[in-house]
Amino acid sequence: MGRFFGIGLGPGEPELITLKAYRVLQRVDTIFVPRAEGRTDAAAER
């Protein structure tokens, strides 16, 4: 079974990410991003 990690966006400043979140983002296969307000799609990237 896979694992799901949730990473908070905090105040929105890109430089304010924890080291743990950075490490998780470096090793996952897929990154899901919620859709922006007013859009109907979401993004999955790697």
PDB file of N, CA and C in Angstrom:
ATOM      1  N   MET A   1       0.843  -1.170   0.000  1.00  0.00           N
ATOM      2  CA  MET A   1       0.000   0.000   0.000  1.00  0.00           C
ATOM      3  C   MET A   1       0.890   1.236   0.000  1.00  0.00           C
ATOM      4  N   GLY A   2       0.455   2.265  -0.705  1.00  0.00           N
ATOM      5  CA  GLY A   2       1.208   3.513  -0.790  1.00  0.00           C
ATOM      6  C   GLY A   2       1.018   4.393   0.430  1.00  0.00           C
ATOM      7  N   ARG A   3       1.667   5.523   0.377  1.00  0.00           N
ATOM      8  CA  ARG A   3       1.561   6.497   1.459  1.00  0.00           C
ATOM      9  C   ARG A   3       1.103   7.823   0.879  1.00  0.00           C
ATOM     10  N   PHE A   4       0.402   8.583   1.697  1.00  0.00           N
ATOM     11  CA  PHE A   4      -0.075   9.907   1.309  1.00  0.00           C
ATOM     12  C   PHE A   4       0.498  10.910   2.298  1.00  0.00           C
ATOM     13  N   PHE A   5       1.156  11.935   1.795  1.00  0.00           N
ATOM     14  CA  PHE A   5       1.714  12.982   2.640  1.00  0.00           C
ATOM     15  C   PHE A   5       0.958  14.269   2.368  1.00  0.00           C
ATOM     16  N   GLY A   6       0.611  14.991   3.400  1.00  0.00           N
ATOM     17  CA  GLY A   6       0.000  16.311   3.254  1.00  0.00           C
ATOM     18  C   GLY A   6       1.011  17.366   3.686  1.00  0.00           C
ATOM     19  N   ILE A   7       1.212  18.350   2.839  1.00  0.00           N
ATOM     20  CA  ILE A   7       2.170  19.414   3.145  1.00  0.00           C
ATOM     21  C   ILE A   7       1.423  20.734   3.134  1.00  0.00           C
ATOM     22  N   GLY A   8       1.472  21.442   4.257  1.00  0.00           N
ATOM     23  CA  GLY A   8       0.796  22.729   4.362  1.00  0.00           C
ATOM     24  C   GLY A   8       1.523  23.813   3.585  1.00  0.00           C
ATOM     25  N   LEU A   9       0.763  24.774   3.122  1.00  0.00           N
ATOM     26  CA  LEU A   9       1.336  25.866   2.341  1.00  0.00           C
ATOM     27  C   LEU A   9       1.702  27.067   3.187  1.00  0.00           C
ATOM     28  N   GLY A  10       1.344  27.046   4.450  1.00  0.00           N
ATOM     29  CA  GLY A  10       1.686  28.156   5.340  1.00  0.00           C
ATOM     30  C   GLY A  10       1.145  29.473   4.816  1.00  0.00           C
ATOM     31  N   PRO A  11       1.915  30.557   4.995  1.00  0.00           N
ATOM     32  CA  PRO A  11       1.445  31.872   4.562  1.00  0.00           C
ATOM     33  C   PRO A  11       1.587  32.102   3.055  1.00  0.00           C
ATOM     34  N   GLY A  12       2.122  31.115   2.332  1.00  0.00           N
ATOM     35  CA  GLY A  12       2.255  31.259   0.887  1.00  0.00           C
ATOM     36  C   GLY A  12       3.622  31.719   0.414  1.00  0.00           C
ATOM     37  N   GLU A  13       4.536  31.951   1.320  1.00  0.00           N
ATOM     38  CA  GLU A  13       5.900  32.357   0.959  1.00  0.00           C
ATOM     39  C   GLU A  13       6.692  31.106   0.554  1.00  0.00           C
ATOM     40  N   PRO A  14       7.141  31.004  -0.703  1.00  0.00           N
ATOM     41  CA  PRO A  14       7.825  29.797  -1.181  1.00  0.00           C
ATOM     42  C   PRO A  14       9.085  29.425  -0.394  1.00  0.00           C
ATOM     43  N   GLU A  15       9.747  30.370   0.215  1.00  0.00           N
ATOM     44  CA  GLU A  15      10.970  30.084   0.963  1.00  0.00           C
ATOM     45  C   GLU A  15      10.692  29.477   2.340  1.00  0.00           C
ATOM     46  N   LEU A  16       9.438  29.514   2.789  1.00  0.00           N
ATOM     47  CA  LEU A  16       9.103  29.011   4.125  1.00  0.00           C
ATOM     48  C   LEU A  16       8.551  27.595   4.043  1.00  0.00           C
ATOM     49  N   ILE A  17       9.404  26.650   3.733  1.00  0.00           N
ATOM     50  CA  ILE A  17       9.023  25.243   3.688  1.00  0.00           C
ATOM     51  C   ILE A  17       9.939  24.502   4.665  1.00  0.00           C
ATOM     52  N   THR A  18       9.390  23.541   5.378  1.00  0.00           N
ATOM     53  CA  THR A  18      10.221  22.808   6.326  1.00  0.00           C
ATOM     54  C   THR A  18      11.172  21.876   5.580  1.00  0.00           C
ATOM     55  N   LEU A  19      12.244  21.502   6.242  1.00  0.00           N
ATOM     56  CA  LEU A  19      13.181  20.547   5.644  1.00  0.00           C
ATOM     57  C   LEU A  19      12.512  19.199   5.415  1.00  0.00           C
ATOM     58  N   LYS A  20      11.640  18.814   6.329  1.00  0.00           N
ATOM     59  CA  LYS A  20      10.937  17.539   6.173  1.00  0.00           C
ATOM     60  C   LYS A  20      10.049  17.570   4.934  1.00  0.00           C
ATOM     61  N   ALA A  21       9.319  18.653   4.737  1.00  0.00           N
ATOM     62  CA  ALA A  21       8.469  18.779   3.549  1.00  0.00           C
ATOM     63  C   ALA A  21       9.317  18.753   2.282  1.00  0.00           C
ATOM     64  N   TYR A  22      10.447  19.425   2.292  1.00  0.00           N
ATOM     65  CA  TYR A  22      11.352  19.434   1.145  1.00  0.00           C
ATOM     66  C   TYR A  22      11.822  18.019   0.812  1.00  0.00           C
ATOM     67  N   ARG A  23      12.194  17.265   1.829  1.00  0.00           N
ATOM     68  CA  ARG A  23      12.663  15.887   1.619  1.00  0.00           C
ATOM     69  C   ARG A  23      11.554  15.001   1.066  1.00  0.00           C
ATOM     70  N   VAL A  24      10.351  15.161   1.573  1.00  0.00           N
ATOM     71  CA  VAL A  24       9.220  14.380   1.061  1.00  0.00           C
ATOM     72  C   VAL A  24       8.987  14.702  -0.411  1.00  0.00           C
ATOM     73  N   LEU A  25       8.989  15.979  -0.764  1.00  0.00           N
ATOM     74  CA  LEU A  25       8.766  16.375  -2.156  1.00  0.00           C
ATOM     75  C   LEU A  25       9.844  15.829  -3.088  1.00  0.00           C
ATOM     76  N   GLN A  26      11.042  15.648  -2.593  1.00  0.00           N
ATOM     77  CA  GLN A  26      12.128  15.127  -3.415  1.00  0.00           C
ATOM     78  C   GLN A  26      11.965  13.644  -3.728  1.00  0.00           C
ATOM     79  N   ARG A  27      11.252  12.891  -2.883  1.00  0.00           N
ATOM     80  CA  ARG A  27      11.201  11.444  -3.076  1.00  0.00           C
ATOM     81  C   ARG A  27       9.868  10.883  -3.575  1.00  0.00           C
ATOM     82  N   VAL A  28       8.826  11.676  -3.616  1.00  0.00           N
ATOM     83  CA  VAL A  28       7.530  11.145  -4.051  1.00  0.00           C
ATOM     84  C   VAL A  28       7.454  11.046  -5.574  1.00  0.00           C
ATOM     85  N   ASP A  29       6.603  10.142  -6.052  1.00  0.00           N
ATOM     86  CA  ASP A  29       6.419   9.946  -7.492  1.00  0.00           C
ATOM     87  C   ASP A  29       5.458  10.953  -8.103  1.00  0.00           C
ATOM     88  N   THR A  30       4.456  11.355  -7.342  1.00  0.00           N
ATOM     89  CA  THR A  30       3.420  12.248  -7.866  1.00  0.00           C
ATOM     90  C   THR A  30       3.129  13.343  -6.853  1.00  0.00           C
ATOM     91  N   ILE A  31       2.920  14.551  -7.361  1.00  0.00           N
ATOM     92  CA  ILE A  31       2.555  15.686  -6.516  1.00  0.00           C
ATOM     93  C   ILE A  31       1.203  16.203  -6.998  1.00  0.00           C
ATOM     94  N   PHE A  32       0.208  16.169  -6.124  1.00  0.00           N
ATOM     95  CA  PHE A  32      -1.114  16.689  -6.451  1.00  0.00           C
ATOM     96  C   PHE A  32      -1.247  18.094  -5.882  1.00  0.00           C
ATOM     97  N   VAL A  33      -1.775  18.994  -6.684  1.00  0.00           N
ATOM     98  CA  VAL A  33      -1.963  20.382  -6.273  1.00  0.00           C
ATOM     99  C   VAL A  33      -3.445  20.712  -6.405  1.00  0.00           C
ATOM    100  N   PRO A  34      -4.086  21.217  -5.354  1.00  0.00           N
ATOM    101  CA  PRO A  34      -5.511  21.544  -5.464  1.00  0.00           C
ATOM    102  C   PRO A  34      -5.743  22.647  -6.492  1.00  0.00           C
ATOM    103  N   ARG A  35      -6.922  22.635  -7.043  1.00  0.00           N
ATOM    104  CA  ARG A  35      -7.233  23.640  -8.071  1.00  0.00           C
ATOM    105  C   ARG A  35      -7.327  25.035  -7.465  1.00  0.00           C
ATOM    106  N   ALA A  36      -6.988  26.006  -8.272  1.00  0.00           N
ATOM    107  CA  ALA A  36      -7.101  27.396  -7.849  1.00  0.00           C
ATOM    108  C   ALA A  36      -8.568  27.801  -7.839  1.00  0.00           C
ATOM    109  N   GLU A  37      -8.893  28.775  -7.050  1.00  0.00           N
ATOM    110  CA  GLU A  37     -10.268  29.252  -6.979  1.00  0.00           C
ATOM    111  C   GLU A  37     -10.728  29.702  -8.357  1.00  0.00           C
ATOM    112  N   GLY A  38     -11.909  29.267  -8.748  1.00  0.00           N
ATOM    113  CA  GLY A  38     -12.455  29.643 -10.044  1.00  0.00           C
ATOM    114  C   GLY A  38     -12.102  28.670 -11.162  1.00  0.00           C
ATOM    115  N   ARG A  39     -11.285  27.656 -10.882  1.00  0.00           N
ATOM    116  CA  ARG A  39     -10.924  26.662 -11.899  1.00  0.00           C
ATOM    117  C   ARG A  39     -11.574  25.339 -11.546  1.00  0.00           C
ATOM    118  N   THR A  40     -11.728  24.479 -12.525  1.00  0.00           N
ATOM    119  CA  THR A  40     -12.369  23.192 -12.284  1.00  0.00           C
ATOM    120  C   THR A  40     -11.398  22.030 -12.363  1.00  0.00           C
ATOM    121  N   ASP A  41     -10.121  22.298 -12.616  1.00  0.00           N
ATOM    122  CA  ASP A  41      -9.146  21.223 -12.731  1.00  0.00           C
ATOM    123  C   ASP A  41      -8.140  21.271 -11.581  1.00  0.00           C
ATOM    124  N   ALA A  42      -7.406  20.205 -11.417  1.00  0.00           N
ATOM    125  CA  ALA A  42      -6.317  20.133 -10.446  1.00  0.00           C
ATOM    126  C   ALA A  42      -5.089  19.643 -11.207  1.00  0.00           C
ATOM    127  N   ALA A  43      -3.935  19.691 -10.579  1.00  0.00           N
ATOM    128  CA  ALA A  43      -2.707  19.285 -11.262  1.00  0.00           C
ATOM    129  C   ALA A  43      -2.066  18.104 -10.552  1.00  0.00           C
ATOM    130  N   ALA A  44      -1.494  17.213 -11.329  1.00  0.00           N
ATOM    131  CA  ALA A  44      -0.671  16.115 -10.826  1.00  0.00           C
ATOM    132  C   ALA A  44       0.610  16.144 -11.637  1.00  0.00           C
ATOM    133  N   GLU A  45       1.723  16.314 -10.973  1.00  0.00           N
ATOM    134  CA  GLU A  45       3.005  16.495 -11.670  1.00  0.00           C
ATOM    135  C   GLU A  45       4.078  15.594 -11.104  1.00  0.00           C
ATOM    136  N   ARG A  46       5.102  15.405 -11.890  1.00  0.00           N
ATOM    137  CA  ARG A  46       6.387  14.870 -11.422  1.00  0.00           C
ATOM    138  C   ARG A  46       7.408  15.047 -12.480  1.00  0.00           C
TER     139      ARG A  46
END
